[in-house]
Amino acid sequence: MVYLNITFPEDLKKDLDLEVRQERTKRSTLIQKAVRTYLKLKHQKAVDVLLKEGYQEMAAESKNVMKDFEKADRESWKHVD
């Protein structure tokens, strides 16, 4: 375990202390949970951005494939009775 010395605005400290009492935990435990949650959310946001970019690239590629086969499809329909 590593010890950190951090500063808080007075109003944030009051909110923290209130939450600590309600949760029946320690300040350090609550701060650790908050930091873990923040980091997890930040990581998830980065993953979401990458997934969105990937899906957009796949959609664009699918449209290009559809365009490539459009002419062949039109030709095929000419032979359908």
PDB file of N, CA and C in Angstrom:
ATOM      1  N   MET A   1       0.854  -1.169   0.000  1.00  0.00           N
ATOM      2  CA  MET A   1       0.000   0.000   0.000  1.00  0.00           C
ATOM      3  C   MET A   1       0.901   1.234   0.000  1.00  0.00           C
ATOM      4  N   VAL A   2       0.487   2.245  -0.738  1.00  0.00           N
ATOM      5  CA  VAL A   2       1.222   3.499  -0.849  1.00  0.00           C
ATOM      6  C   VAL A   2       0.391   4.598  -0.216  1.00  0.00           C
ATOM      7  N   TYR A   3       1.039   5.488   0.478  1.00  0.00           N
ATOM      8  CA  TYR A   3       0.337   6.608   1.110  1.00  0.00           C
ATOM      9  C   TYR A   3       0.442   7.839   0.210  1.00  0.00           C
ATOM     10  N   LEU A   4      -0.685   8.541   0.060  1.00  0.00           N
ATOM     11  CA  LEU A   4      -0.719   9.756  -0.739  1.00  0.00           C
ATOM     12  C   LEU A   4      -1.231  10.901   0.125  1.00  0.00           C
ATOM     13  N   ASN A   5      -0.704  12.058  -0.123  1.00  0.00           N
ATOM     14  CA  ASN A   5      -1.183  13.253   0.552  1.00  0.00           C
ATOM     15  C   ASN A   5      -1.889  14.093  -0.503  1.00  0.00           C
ATOM     16  N   ILE A   6      -3.207  14.241  -0.359  1.00  0.00           N
ATOM     17  CA  ILE A   6      -3.971  14.978  -1.361  1.00  0.00           C
ATOM     18  C   ILE A   6      -4.750  16.107  -0.695  1.00  0.00           C
ATOM     19  N   THR A   7      -5.126  17.083  -1.501  1.00  0.00           N
ATOM     20  CA  THR A   7      -5.913  18.195  -0.978  1.00  0.00           C
ATOM     21  C   THR A   7      -7.283  18.201  -1.643  1.00  0.00           C
ATOM     22  N   PHE A   8      -8.279  18.671  -0.891  1.00  0.00           N
ATOM     23  CA  PHE A   8      -9.651  18.759  -1.367  1.00  0.00           C
ATOM     24  C   PHE A   8     -10.208  20.132  -1.046  1.00  0.00           C
ATOM     25  N   PRO A   9     -11.088  20.624  -1.906  1.00  0.00           N
ATOM     26  CA  PRO A   9     -11.835  21.817  -1.513  1.00  0.00           C
ATOM     27  C   PRO A   9     -12.730  21.450  -0.313  1.00  0.00           C
ATOM     28  N   GLU A  10     -12.991  22.408   0.518  1.00  0.00           N
ATOM     29  CA  GLU A  10     -13.753  22.148   1.744  1.00  0.00           C
ATOM     30  C   GLU A  10     -15.116  21.517   1.455  1.00  0.00           C
ATOM     31  N   ASP A  11     -15.832  22.031   0.456  1.00  0.00           N
ATOM     32  CA  ASP A  11     -17.160  21.484   0.164  1.00  0.00           C
ATOM     33  C   ASP A  11     -17.100  20.035  -0.305  1.00  0.00           C
ATOM     34  N   LEU A  12     -16.069  19.678  -1.066  1.00  0.00           N
ATOM     35  CA  LEU A  12     -15.907  18.298  -1.513  1.00  0.00           C
ATOM     36  C   LEU A  12     -15.570  17.390  -0.341  1.00  0.00           C
ATOM     37  N   LYS A  13     -14.757  17.869   0.592  1.00  0.00           N
ATOM     38  CA  LYS A  13     -14.430  17.092   1.784  1.00  0.00           C
ATOM     39  C   LYS A  13     -15.689  16.826   2.604  1.00  0.00           C
ATOM     40  N   LYS A  14     -16.553  17.831   2.728  1.00  0.00           N
ATOM     41  CA  LYS A  14     -17.806  17.638   3.474  1.00  0.00           C
ATOM     42  C   LYS A  14     -18.675  16.586   2.797  1.00  0.00           C
ATOM     43  N   ASP A  15     -18.779  16.663   1.476  1.00  0.00           N
ATOM     44  CA  ASP A  15     -19.554  15.659   0.738  1.00  0.00           C
ATOM     45  C   ASP A  15     -18.950  14.269   0.899  1.00  0.00           C
ATOM     46  N   LEU A  16     -17.632  14.198   0.850  1.00  0.00           N
ATOM     47  CA  LEU A  16     -16.929  12.931   1.041  1.00  0.00           C
ATOM     48  C   LEU A  16     -17.212  12.364   2.422  1.00  0.00           C
ATOM     49  N   ASP A  17     -17.090  13.195   3.441  1.00  0.00           N
ATOM     50  CA  ASP A  17     -17.321  12.727   4.809  1.00  0.00           C
ATOM     51  C   ASP A  17     -18.768  12.265   5.006  1.00  0.00           C
ATOM     52  N   LEU A  18     -19.706  12.944   4.399  1.00  0.00           N
ATOM     53  CA  LEU A  18     -21.105  12.535   4.481  1.00  0.00           C
ATOM     54  C   LEU A  18     -21.303  11.165   3.846  1.00  0.00           C
ATOM     55  N   GLU A  19     -20.716  10.994   2.684  1.00  0.00           N
ATOM     56  CA  GLU A  19     -20.834   9.705   1.989  1.00  0.00           C
ATOM     57  C   GLU A  19     -20.143   8.589   2.773  1.00  0.00           C
ATOM     58  N   VAL A  20     -19.008   8.894   3.371  1.00  0.00           N
ATOM     59  CA  VAL A  20     -18.280   7.910   4.182  1.00  0.00           C
ATOM     60  C   VAL A  20     -19.160   7.435   5.338  1.00  0.00           C
ATOM     61  N   ARG A  21     -19.825   8.366   5.993  1.00  0.00           N
ATOM     62  CA  ARG A  21     -20.716   7.983   7.093  1.00  0.00           C
ATOM     63  C   ARG A  21     -21.885   7.133   6.597  1.00  0.00           C
ATOM     64  N   GLN A  22     -22.469   7.537   5.473  1.00  0.00           N
ATOM     65  CA  GLN A  22     -23.600   6.783   4.937  1.00  0.00           C
ATOM     66  C   GLN A  22     -23.194   5.382   4.497  1.00  0.00           C
ATOM     67  N   GLU A  23     -22.019   5.266   3.913  1.00  0.00           N
ATOM     68  CA  GLU A  23     -21.530   3.970   3.430  1.00  0.00           C
ATOM     69  C   GLU A  23     -20.856   3.143   4.527  1.00  0.00           C
ATOM     70  N   ARG A  24     -20.619   3.781   5.660  1.00  0.00           N
ATOM     71  CA  ARG A  24     -19.918   3.128   6.780  1.00  0.00           C
ATOM     72  C   ARG A  24     -18.594   2.519   6.321  1.00  0.00           C
ATOM     73  N   THR A  25     -17.806   3.398   5.755  1.00  0.00           N
ATOM     74  CA  THR A  25     -16.497   2.992   5.247  1.00  0.00           C
ATOM     75  C   THR A  25     -15.478   4.072   5.613  1.00  0.00           C
ATOM     76  N   LYS A  26     -14.275   3.950   5.090  1.00  0.00           N
ATOM     77  CA  LYS A  26     -13.220   4.933   5.333  1.00  0.00           C
ATOM     78  C   LYS A  26     -13.080   5.834   4.103  1.00  0.00           C
ATOM     79  N   ARG A  27     -12.534   7.016   4.341  1.00  0.00           N
ATOM     80  CA  ARG A  27     -12.295   7.931   3.227  1.00  0.00           C
ATOM     81  C   ARG A  27     -11.442   7.268   2.154  1.00  0.00           C
ATOM     82  N   SER A  28     -10.353   6.662   2.581  1.00  0.00           N
ATOM     83  CA  SER A  28      -9.432   6.073   1.607  1.00  0.00           C
ATOM     84  C   SER A  28     -10.109   4.983   0.783  1.00  0.00           C
ATOM     85  N   THR A  29     -10.965   4.206   1.424  1.00  0.00           N
ATOM     86  CA  THR A  29     -11.676   3.143   0.703  1.00  0.00           C
ATOM     87  C   THR A  29     -12.603   3.745  -0.338  1.00  0.00           C
ATOM     88  N   LEU A  30     -13.338   4.769   0.040  1.00  0.00           N
ATOM     89  CA  LEU A  30     -14.259   5.413  -0.892  1.00  0.00           C
ATOM     90  C   LEU A  30     -13.509   6.089  -2.036  1.00  0.00           C
ATOM     91  N   ILE A  31     -12.410   6.747  -1.740  1.00  0.00           N
ATOM     92  CA  ILE A  31     -11.612   7.396  -2.781  1.00  0.00           C
ATOM     93  C   ILE A  31     -11.026   6.355  -3.731  1.00  0.00           C
ATOM     94  N   GLN A  32     -10.570   5.233  -3.188  1.00  0.00           N
ATOM     95  CA  GLN A  32     -10.046   4.154  -4.040  1.00  0.00           C
ATOM     96  C   GLN A  32     -11.124   3.643  -4.989  1.00  0.00           C
ATOM     97  N   LYS A  33     -12.332   3.436  -4.462  1.00  0.00           N
ATOM     98  CA  LYS A  33     -13.440   2.980  -5.310  1.00  0.00           C
ATOM     99  C   LYS A  33     -13.749   4.004  -6.394  1.00  0.00           C
ATOM    100  N   ALA A  34     -13.743   5.275  -6.018  1.00  0.00           N
ATOM    101  CA  ALA A  34     -14.041   6.341  -6.979  1.00  0.00           C
ATOM    102  C   ALA A  34     -12.998   6.393  -8.092  1.00  0.00           C
ATOM    103  N   VAL A  35     -11.740   6.258  -7.740  1.00  0.00           N
ATOM    104  CA  VAL A  35     -10.672   6.291  -8.745  1.00  0.00           C
ATOM    105  C   VAL A  35     -10.772   5.078  -9.658  1.00  0.00           C
ATOM    106  N   ARG A  36     -11.030   3.911  -9.083  1.00  0.00           N
ATOM    107  CA  ARG A  36     -11.186   2.698  -9.902  1.00  0.00           C
ATOM    108  C   ARG A  36     -12.354   2.855 -10.881  1.00  0.00           C
ATOM    109  N   THR A  37     -13.458   3.377 -10.388  1.00  0.00           N
ATOM    110  CA  THR A  37     -14.633   3.584 -11.239  1.00  0.00           C
ATOM    111  C   THR A  37     -14.325   4.570 -12.355  1.00  0.00           C
ATOM    112  N   TYR A  38     -13.677   5.666 -12.013  1.00  0.00           N
ATOM    113  CA  TYR A  38     -13.297   6.665 -13.013  1.00  0.00           C
ATOM    114  C   TYR A  38     -12.407   6.044 -14.095  1.00  0.00           C
ATOM    115  N   LEU A  39     -11.390   5.302 -13.680  1.00  0.00           N
ATOM    116  CA  LEU A  39     -10.468   4.703 -14.643  1.00  0.00           C
ATOM    117  C   LEU A  39     -11.172   3.672 -15.516  1.00  0.00           C
ATOM    118  N   LYS A  40     -12.069   2.901 -14.924  1.00  0.00           N
ATOM    119  CA  LYS A  40     -12.821   1.904 -15.685  1.00  0.00           C
ATOM    120  C   LYS A  40     -13.717   2.592 -16.721  1.00  0.00           C
ATOM    121  N   LEU A  41     -14.393   3.653 -16.316  1.00  0.00           N
ATOM    122  CA  LEU A  41     -15.254   4.391 -17.245  1.00  0.00           C
ATOM    123  C   LEU A  41     -14.443   5.046 -18.367  1.00  0.00           C
ATOM    124  N   LYS A  42     -13.289   5.573 -18.013  1.00  0.00           N
ATOM    125  CA  LYS A  42     -12.429   6.195 -19.018  1.00  0.00           C
ATOM    126  C   LYS A  42     -11.955   5.160 -20.034  1.00  0.00           C
ATOM    127  N   HIS A  43     -11.568   3.996 -19.543  1.00  0.00           N
ATOM    128  CA  HIS A  43     -11.133   2.915 -20.432  1.00  0.00           C
ATOM    129  C   HIS A  43     -12.294   2.473 -21.330  1.00  0.00           C
ATOM    130  N   GLN A  44     -13.479   2.325 -20.741  1.00  0.00           N
ATOM    131  CA  GLN A  44     -14.639   1.886 -21.511  1.00  0.00           C
ATOM    132  C   GLN A  44     -14.995   2.902 -22.590  1.00  0.00           C
ATOM    133  N   LYS A  45     -14.860   4.179 -22.274  1.00  0.00           N
ATOM    134  CA  LYS A  45     -15.135   5.229 -23.260  1.00  0.00           C
ATOM    135  C   LYS A  45     -14.167   5.107 -24.435  1.00  0.00           C
ATOM    136  N   ALA A  46     -12.903   4.851 -24.148  1.00  0.00           N
ATOM    137  CA  ALA A  46     -11.907   4.689 -25.208  1.00  0.00           C
ATOM    138  C   ALA A  46     -12.236   3.474 -26.072  1.00  0.00           C
ATOM    139  N   VAL A  47     -12.658   2.395 -25.446  1.00  0.00           N
ATOM    140  CA  VAL A  47     -13.047   1.189 -26.188  1.00  0.00           C
ATOM    141  C   VAL A  47     -14.270   1.487 -27.057  1.00  0.00           C
ATOM    142  N   ASP A  48     -15.238   2.206 -26.504  1.00  0.00           N
ATOM    143  CA  ASP A  48     -16.440   2.562 -27.260  1.00  0.00           C
ATOM    144  C   ASP A  48     -16.100   3.388 -28.500  1.00  0.00           C
ATOM    145  N   VAL A  49     -15.160   4.312 -28.358  1.00  0.00           N
ATOM    146  CA  VAL A  49     -14.740   5.129 -29.501  1.00  0.00           C
ATOM    147  C   VAL A  49     -14.120   4.244 -30.579  1.00  0.00           C
ATOM    148  N   LEU A  50     -13.264   3.314 -30.176  1.00  0.00           N
ATOM    149  CA  LEU A  50     -12.639   2.406 -31.141  1.00  0.00           C
ATOM    150  C   LEU A  50     -13.674   1.521 -31.825  1.00  0.00           C
ATOM    151  N   LEU A  51     -14.640   1.021 -31.059  1.00  0.00           N
ATOM    152  CA  LEU A  51     -15.689   0.195 -31.650  1.00  0.00           C
ATOM    153  C   LEU A  51     -16.519   0.991 -32.650  1.00  0.00           C
ATOM    154  N   LYS A  52     -16.859   2.205 -32.291  1.00  0.00           N
ATOM    155  CA  LYS A  52     -17.644   3.055 -33.192  1.00  0.00           C
ATOM    156  C   LYS A  52     -16.891   3.284 -34.502  1.00  0.00           C
ATOM    157  N   GLU A  53     -15.603   3.599 -34.383  1.00  0.00           N
ATOM    158  CA  GLU A  53     -14.792   3.812 -35.585  1.00  0.00           C
ATOM    159  C   GLU A  53     -14.748   2.548 -36.437  1.00  0.00           C
ATOM    160  N   GLY A  54     -14.595   1.409 -35.781  1.00  0.00           N
ATOM    161  CA  GLY A  54     -14.551   0.136 -36.504  1.00  0.00           C
ATOM    162  C   GLY A  54     -15.859  -0.162 -37.215  1.00  0.00           C
ATOM    163  N   TYR A  55     -16.972   0.062 -36.527  1.00  0.00           N
ATOM    164  CA  TYR A  55     -18.275  -0.170 -37.141  1.00  0.00           C
ATOM    165  C   TYR A  55     -18.497   0.757 -38.329  1.00  0.00           C
ATOM    166  N   GLN A  56     -18.074   2.007 -38.201  1.00  0.00           N
ATOM    167  CA  GLN A  56     -18.229   2.956 -39.302  1.00  0.00           C
ATOM    168  C   GLN A  56     -17.388   2.528 -40.507  1.00  0.00           C
ATOM    169  N   GLU A  57     -16.185   2.042 -40.258  1.00  0.00           N
ATOM    170  CA  GLU A  57     -15.343   1.567 -41.351  1.00  0.00           C
ATOM    171  C   GLU A  57     -15.967   0.354 -42.024  1.00  0.00           C
ATOM    172  N   MET A  58     -16.523  -0.550 -41.216  1.00  0.00           N
ATOM    173  CA  MET A  58     -17.160  -1.739 -41.778  1.00  0.00           C
ATOM    174  C   MET A  58     -18.392  -1.359 -42.601  1.00  0.00           C
ATOM    175  N   ALA A  59     -19.159  -0.387 -42.131  1.00  0.00           N
ATOM    176  CA  ALA A  59     -20.338   0.053 -42.866  1.00  0.00           C
ATOM    177  C   ALA A  59     -19.930   0.638 -44.217  1.00  0.00           C
ATOM    178  N   ALA A  60     -18.887   1.441 -44.221  1.00  0.00           N
ATOM    179  CA  ALA A  60     -18.404   2.029 -45.471  1.00  0.00           C
ATOM    180  C   ALA A  60     -17.920   0.934 -46.418  1.00  0.00           C
ATOM    181  N   GLU A  61     -17.233  -0.052 -45.878  1.00  0.00           N
ATOM    182  CA  GLU A  61     -16.739  -1.152 -46.705  1.00  0.00           C
ATOM    183  C   GLU A  61     -17.903  -1.963 -47.269  1.00  0.00           C
ATOM    184  N   SER A  62     -18.932  -2.170 -46.458  1.00  0.00           N
ATOM    185  CA  SER A  62     -20.110  -2.907 -46.920  1.00  0.00           C
ATOM    186  C   SER A  62     -20.801  -2.167 -48.059  1.00  0.00           C
ATOM    187  N   LYS A  63     -20.879  -0.845 -47.956  1.00  0.00           N
ATOM    188  CA  LYS A  63     -21.482  -0.059 -49.032  1.00  0.00           C
ATOM    189  C   LYS A  63     -20.680  -0.204 -50.316  1.00  0.00           C
ATOM    190  N   ASN A  64     -19.362  -0.206 -50.201  1.00  0.00           N
ATOM    191  CA  ASN A  64     -18.515  -0.367 -51.388  1.00  0.00           C
ATOM    192  C   ASN A  64     -18.724  -1.738 -52.019  1.00  0.00           C
ATOM    193  N   VAL A  65     -18.843  -2.765 -51.205  1.00  0.00           N
ATOM    194  CA  VAL A  65     -19.077  -4.113 -51.728  1.00  0.00           C
ATOM    195  C   VAL A  65     -20.428  -4.158 -52.438  1.00  0.00           C
ATOM    196  N   MET A  66     -21.437  -3.529 -51.829  1.00  0.00           N
ATOM    197  CA  MET A  66     -22.763  -3.495 -52.453  1.00  0.00           C
ATOM    198  C   MET A  66     -22.704  -2.802 -53.812  1.00  0.00           C
ATOM    199  N   LYS A  67     -21.962  -1.712 -53.898  1.00  0.00           N
ATOM    200  CA  LYS A  67     -21.822  -1.005 -55.172  1.00  0.00           C
ATOM    201  C   LYS A  67     -21.146  -1.892 -56.211  1.00  0.00           C
ATOM    202  N   ASP A  68     -20.131  -2.641 -55.771  1.00  0.00           N
ATOM    203  CA  ASP A  68     -19.405  -3.511 -56.694  1.00  0.00           C
ATOM    204  C   ASP A  68     -20.325  -4.574 -57.290  1.00  0.00           C
ATOM    205  N   PHE A  69     -21.280  -5.070 -56.513  1.00  0.00           N
ATOM    206  CA  PHE A  69     -22.149  -6.144 -56.979  1.00  0.00           C
ATOM    207  C   PHE A  69     -23.469  -5.635 -57.554  1.00  0.00           C
ATOM    208  N   GLU A  70     -23.682  -4.335 -57.515  1.00  0.00           N
ATOM    209  CA  GLU A  70     -24.941  -3.768 -58.008  1.00  0.00           C
ATOM    210  C   GLU A  70     -25.163  -4.093 -59.489  1.00  0.00           C
ATOM    211  N   LYS A  71     -24.150  -3.886 -60.286  1.00  0.00           N
ATOM    212  CA  LYS A  71     -24.270  -4.153 -61.725  1.00  0.00           C
ATOM    213  C   LYS A  71     -24.517  -5.638 -61.966  1.00  0.00           C
ATOM    214  N   ALA A  72     -23.796  -6.488 -61.260  1.00  0.00           N
ATOM    215  CA  ALA A  72     -23.983  -7.929 -61.425  1.00  0.00           C
ATOM    216  C   ALA A  72     -25.396  -8.338 -61.012  1.00  0.00           C
ATOM    217  N   ASP A  73     -25.918  -7.737 -59.987  1.00  0.00           N
ATOM    218  CA  ASP A  73     -27.287  -8.039 -59.557  1.00  0.00           C
ATOM    219  C   ASP A  73     -28.289  -7.640 -60.621  1.00  0.00           C
ATOM    220  N   ARG A  74     -28.105  -6.459 -61.204  1.00  0.00           N
ATOM    221  CA  ARG A  74     -29.021  -6.006 -62.251  1.00  0.00           C
ATOM    222  C   ARG A  74     -28.986  -6.957 -63.438  1.00  0.00           C
ATOM    223  N   GLU A  75     -27.796  -7.413 -63.785  1.00  0.00           N
ATOM    224  CA  GLU A  75     -27.670  -8.367 -64.889  1.00  0.00           C
ATOM    225  C   GLU A  75     -28.343  -9.690 -64.559  1.00  0.00           C
ATOM    226  N   SER A  76     -28.199 -10.134 -63.325  1.00  0.00           N
ATOM    227  CA  SER A  76     -28.798 -11.406 -62.907  1.00  0.00           C
ATOM    228  C   SER A  76     -30.312 -11.338 -62.971  1.00  0.00           C
ATOM    229  N   TRP A  77     -30.893 -10.211 -62.586  1.00  0.00           N
ATOM    230  CA  TRP A  77     -32.352 -10.072 -62.582  1.00  0.00           C
ATOM    231  C   TRP A  77     -32.908 -10.140 -64.000  1.00  0.00           C
ATOM    232  N   LYS A  78     -32.118  -9.788 -64.980  1.00  0.00           N
ATOM    233  CA  LYS A  78     -32.588  -9.852 -66.365  1.00  0.00           C
ATOM    234  C   LYS A  78     -32.883 -11.304 -66.789  1.00  0.00           C
ATOM    235  N   HIS A  79     -32.210 -12.249 -66.136  1.00  0.00           N
ATOM    236  CA  HIS A  79     -32.349 -13.652 -66.504  1.00  0.00           C
ATOM    237  C   HIS A  79     -33.349 -14.397 -65.653  1.00  0.00           C
ATOM    238  N   VAL A  80     -34.005 -13.698 -64.745  1.00  0.00           N
ATOM    239  CA  VAL A  80     -34.989 -14.336 -63.882  1.00  0.00           C
ATOM    240  C   VAL A  80     -36.346 -14.251 -64.585  1.00  0.00           C
ATOM    241  N   ASP A  81     -37.013 -15.384 -64.629  1.00  0.00           N
ATOM    242  CA  ASP A  81     -38.341 -15.405 -65.287  1.00  0.00           C
ATOM    243  C   ASP A  81     -39.424 -15.018 -64.349  1.00  0.00           C
TER     244      ASP A  81
END
